Each structure stands twice: as C-alpha cells, then as structure tokens.
Protein backbone atom coordinates (compact mmCIF):
# COMPACT_ATOMS: atom_id res chain seq x y z
CA MET A 1 -0.04 -0.03 -0.03
CA ARG A 2 1.45 3.29 -1.03
CA LYS A 3 1.81 6.13 1.48
CA SER A 4 -0.87 8.80 1.34
CA ARG A 5 -0.18 12.45 1.63
CA ASN A 6 -3.77 12.99 2.91
CA PRO A 7 -3.54 12.71 6.78
CA TYR A 8 -7.09 11.47 7.11
CA ARG A 9 -6.49 8.67 4.66
CA ALA A 10 -3.15 7.82 6.29
CA ALA A 11 -4.91 7.50 9.74
CA ARG A 12 -7.48 5.09 8.18
CA GLN A 13 -4.67 3.11 6.62
CA GLU A 14 -2.89 2.83 9.92
CA LYS A 15 -6.13 1.87 11.61
CA MET A 16 -6.53 -0.94 9.03
CA ARG A 17 -2.93 -2.24 9.65
CA ARG A 18 -3.68 -2.54 13.44
CA TYR A 19 -6.89 -4.42 12.81
CA LEU A 20 -5.72 -7.00 10.26
CA PRO A 21 -2.83 -9.35 9.69
CA SER A 22 -0.38 -7.63 7.50
CA SER A 23 -0.94 -9.78 4.44
CA LEU A 24 -4.62 -8.96 4.39
CA SER A 25 -4.38 -5.19 5.07
CA GLU A 26 -2.95 -4.79 1.56
CA GLN A 27 -6.15 -6.31 0.00
CA ILE A 28 -8.75 -4.32 1.67
CA ILE A 29 -10.25 -0.98 0.40
CA ILE A 30 -11.02 1.45 3.02
CA LYS A 31 -14.26 3.50 2.70
CA ASP A 32 -16.28 5.46 5.35
CA GLY A 33 -13.34 5.27 7.79
CA SER A 34 -13.97 1.69 8.54
CA PRO A 35 -11.28 -0.94 7.68
CA PHE A 36 -14.01 -3.53 7.03
CA ALA A 37 -16.74 -1.23 5.36
CA ALA A 38 -15.66 -2.22 1.92
CA GLY A 39 -15.11 -5.82 2.68
CA VAL A 40 -12.55 -8.11 1.30
CA PRO A 41 -12.64 -9.66 -2.22
CA GLU A 42 -14.26 -13.01 -2.04
CA GLU A 43 -11.23 -14.71 -3.59
CA THR A 44 -9.26 -13.71 -0.48
CA TRP A 45 -11.19 -16.45 1.50
CA GLU A 46 -10.31 -19.19 -1.07
CA SER A 47 -6.75 -19.17 0.45
CA LYS A 48 -6.14 -21.30 3.54
CA ARG A 49 -3.28 -19.08 4.43
CA ASN A 50 -5.43 -15.91 4.51
CA VAL A 51 -8.20 -17.83 6.45
CA ARG A 52 -5.81 -19.22 8.93
CA LYS A 53 -4.20 -15.80 9.51
CA VAL A 54 -7.58 -14.16 10.11
CA VAL A 55 -8.58 -17.03 12.53
CA GLU A 56 -5.23 -16.64 14.42
CA TRP A 57 -5.63 -12.87 14.57
CA LEU A 58 -9.22 -13.02 15.66
CA ALA A 59 -8.33 -15.60 18.45
CA LYS A 60 -5.58 -13.33 19.69
CA LYS A 61 -7.76 -10.31 19.53
CA THR A 62 -10.70 -11.88 21.49
CA ARG A 63 -8.32 -13.76 23.81
CA LYS A 64 -9.96 -17.07 22.89
CA ARG A 65 -8.76 -20.45 21.59
CA ALA A 66 -9.38 -20.67 17.95
CA VAL A 67 -11.90 -23.56 18.50
CA ASP A 68 -13.86 -21.27 20.87
CA LEU A 69 -14.48 -18.62 18.31
CA ASN A 70 -18.20 -18.09 17.40
CA ASN A 71 -20.20 -16.29 14.77
CA GLN A 72 -20.48 -13.16 17.04
CA ASP A 73 -16.77 -12.83 17.26
CA PHE A 74 -16.52 -12.57 13.50
CA ILE A 75 -19.40 -10.12 13.19
CA GLN A 76 -18.09 -7.97 16.02
CA HIS A 77 -14.67 -7.70 14.28
CA GLY A 78 -16.20 -7.07 10.82
CA LEU A 79 -15.05 -10.49 9.34
CA ASN A 80 -18.46 -11.95 8.75
CA GLY A 81 -17.51 -12.12 5.09
CA VAL A 82 -15.26 -15.05 5.68
CA VAL A 83 -18.15 -16.88 7.58
CA THR A 84 -20.53 -16.13 4.74
CA PHE A 85 -18.15 -17.38 2.10
CA HIS A 86 -17.54 -20.69 4.01
CA SER A 87 -21.13 -21.00 5.22
CA SER A 88 -20.34 -21.35 8.97
CA VAL A 89 -17.73 -20.73 11.58
CA HIS A 90 -17.20 -24.53 11.81
CA GLU A 91 -16.36 -24.68 7.97
CA VAL A 92 -14.09 -21.71 8.39
CA LEU A 93 -12.15 -23.41 11.24
CA LYS A 94 -12.02 -26.63 9.37
CA PHE A 95 -10.86 -24.93 6.14
CA ALA A 96 -8.09 -23.11 8.21
CA GLY A 97 -6.79 -26.51 9.44
CA ILE A 98 -7.80 -25.89 13.18
CA LYS A 99 -7.92 -29.38 14.84
CA ASN A 100 -10.86 -30.26 17.04
CA ALA A 101 -13.21 -27.70 15.64
CA ARG A 102 -16.51 -29.25 16.72
CA PRO A 103 -19.43 -27.01 16.48
CA TRP A 104 -21.41 -28.85 19.14
CA GLU A 105 -18.85 -27.81 21.75
CA ARG A 106 -20.09 -24.24 21.17
CA ARG A 107 -23.21 -23.12 22.87
CA ALA A 108 -25.48 -23.78 20.05
CA VAL A 109 -25.39 -24.99 16.46
CA HIS A 110 -27.77 -23.94 13.61
CA PRO A 111 -30.91 -26.15 13.74
CA THR A 112 -30.24 -27.59 10.23
CA PHE A 113 -26.77 -28.81 11.22
CA TRP A 114 -28.25 -32.06 12.44
CA ASP A 115 -30.05 -32.56 9.20
CA PHE A 116 -26.82 -34.00 7.75
CA LYS A 117 -26.13 -37.64 8.90
CA ASP A 118 -22.34 -37.20 8.76
CA ASN A 119 -22.69 -34.29 11.44
CA ARG A 120 -24.91 -36.50 13.65
CA VAL A 121 -22.48 -39.61 13.42
CA ASP A 122 -19.42 -37.39 14.01
CA ALA A 123 -21.03 -36.03 17.19
CA ILE A 124 -22.16 -39.39 18.54
CA ARG A 125 -18.81 -41.03 17.77
CA TRP A 126 -17.02 -38.14 19.47
CA LEU A 127 -19.31 -38.44 22.47
CA PHE A 128 -18.80 -42.25 22.73
CA GLU A 129 -15.02 -41.78 22.62
CA GLU A 130 -15.23 -39.05 25.30
CA CYS A 131 -17.30 -41.46 27.58
CA LYS A 132 -14.74 -44.36 26.81
CA LYS A 133 -11.86 -42.24 27.96
CA LYS A 134 -13.57 -41.29 31.10
CA GLY A 135 -15.18 -44.71 31.86
CA THR A 136 -18.72 -43.48 31.77
CA ALA A 137 -21.76 -44.70 30.08
CA VAL A 138 -23.41 -42.84 27.26
CA SER A 139 -26.69 -41.40 28.82
CA ILE A 140 -29.04 -38.65 28.67
CA GLU A 141 -27.08 -36.50 31.27
CA VAL A 142 -23.84 -36.96 29.17
CA PHE A 143 -25.64 -35.63 26.13
CA ARG A 144 -26.75 -32.60 28.08
CA GLN A 145 -23.34 -31.92 29.64
CA ARG A 146 -21.78 -32.01 26.18
CA ASN A 147 -24.30 -29.63 24.51
CA LEU A 148 -25.73 -32.54 22.54
CA SER A 149 -29.20 -32.79 24.14
CA ASN A 150 -30.77 -30.98 21.24
CA LEU A 151 -29.52 -33.80 18.92
CA LEU A 152 -30.61 -36.54 21.27
CA PHE A 153 -34.24 -35.18 21.35
CA SER A 154 -34.21 -34.23 17.62
CA LYS A 155 -36.60 -35.87 15.14
CA TYR A 156 -33.77 -38.41 14.46
CA TYR A 157 -33.44 -40.13 17.92
CA GLY A 158 -36.54 -38.85 19.78
CA GLY A 159 -34.63 -39.01 23.21
CA ASN A 160 -33.39 -42.56 22.61
CA ALA A 161 -29.60 -42.87 23.06
CA LEU A 162 -29.53 -46.26 21.74
CA SER A 163 -30.94 -45.08 18.35
CA ALA A 164 -28.04 -42.67 18.22
CA LEU A 165 -25.46 -45.41 18.88
CA VAL A 166 -27.16 -47.55 16.13
CA GLU A 167 -26.93 -44.83 13.48
CA ALA A 168 -23.31 -44.12 14.31
CA GLY A 169 -22.51 -47.78 13.86
CA LEU A 170 -21.43 -48.26 17.42
CA MET A 171 -24.13 -50.83 18.18
CA SER A 172 -26.22 -53.19 16.11
CA LYS A 173 -30.05 -52.96 15.92
CA GLU A 174 -30.21 -56.33 17.62
CA GLN A 175 -27.94 -55.34 20.41
CA ALA A 176 -30.04 -52.04 20.97
CA ALA A 177 -33.20 -54.12 21.01
CA MET A 178 -31.70 -56.44 23.63
CA GLN A 179 -30.57 -53.46 25.79
CA GLU A 180 -33.99 -51.94 25.54
CA ARG A 181 -35.76 -55.13 26.54
CA MET A 182 -33.39 -55.55 29.55
CA PHE A 183 -33.85 -51.93 30.66
CA PHE A 184 -37.43 -51.30 29.89
CA HIS A 185 -38.92 -54.74 30.37
CA PRO A 186 -37.09 -56.51 33.13
CA LYS A 187 -38.34 -60.01 33.96
CA GLN A 188 -41.26 -59.86 36.49
CA GLU A 189 -40.85 -61.99 39.50
CA ARG A 190 -43.19 -64.92 39.48
CA ARG A 191 -45.60 -65.26 42.56
C-alpha cells in the first residue's frame, strides 16, 4: 500500500494495519473510515493461508482459543464475510486447518446442522470416545453436559440414546433391542 499525503487517509490506513494481519491489510479497500466497510474480495477467502491468519488474529484479539470462536466474534470484528463465504464458523475453522473444531462444543449449532447424517454420526462417535476415555456410560445426562441434548431429542432419535448409537455404527439394531428389553422390560418376578 502506498503512503498517502492525505493525513485523514493515512490515519485510516494505519487503523486498518492495526486491525488486520499484514498480508490482508493490503487487500482491503477502506471506505467510510472503517477498515471493513468495503469488505474483502471473495477470492481472499479461497486461500487457506489468509483464512488461517484471520482466525489466528481473531483468536488473539478476542483472547480465545481458535476452536472457541463463534459467529458473534467474526461479526463484531467485521469479518463476517469469511463466515458467509464458507457458510459457517465450523467450516471456516475446518478450512483453516484448526484441529478439534467441533461445532457442538459451542453453545448452540444451527438447527439444520443435524439434518446431515455425517454431522450426527461425528458427534455421536466423538461423544462415545469421550465417555470411553472417562469410563462412563452414554446417557441423557452426558448428552446434556456436552451440549448434545438438542441432537438426542431431535426428530432423528426422539430421546433414545440407543438409536443414536445404532446410527453411528457403534451398536447393532439387535444389540439395541436387547438392551432396551433388559432396561425397559425386566423379567417380572413370579408369585
């Protein structure tokens, strides 16, 4: 970016440099005194390097871990364009190569997120592994603690954890039926 003789424009350029990673500050056009008012060209968000730099910068700016960033953080810092381009914060983090970017660990996921079987299966398998590490059983309480109760009580599982385990391939239908019979229909004592 060339130096401007106009002090007002120079101040805006300096403001932009403070707000953005240096490689991106060259690509943004400043209008109306805001470093993000003009936005960033869409092709900027096709580069993993640019997206990663923005995620790292935003994490540092908000004093959060990258996996803890949410949509509001991007909006407050004028970077909702990257989220719009990639369709969700989860996709931004995944594209940037951030490990363990699990959207269900945030406070809420978009209601349509669970419409995709892959998302449901990933969440159930992750939950199962977490329970296995801690030596606990998969239960309604565990779903609640891990922000997955909305998944468990969705139209897909109707509150039945066994159905979730079956869909994730962690239990066969026969095993689930046997567990259900044992739990819900114990043998009655004969008189």
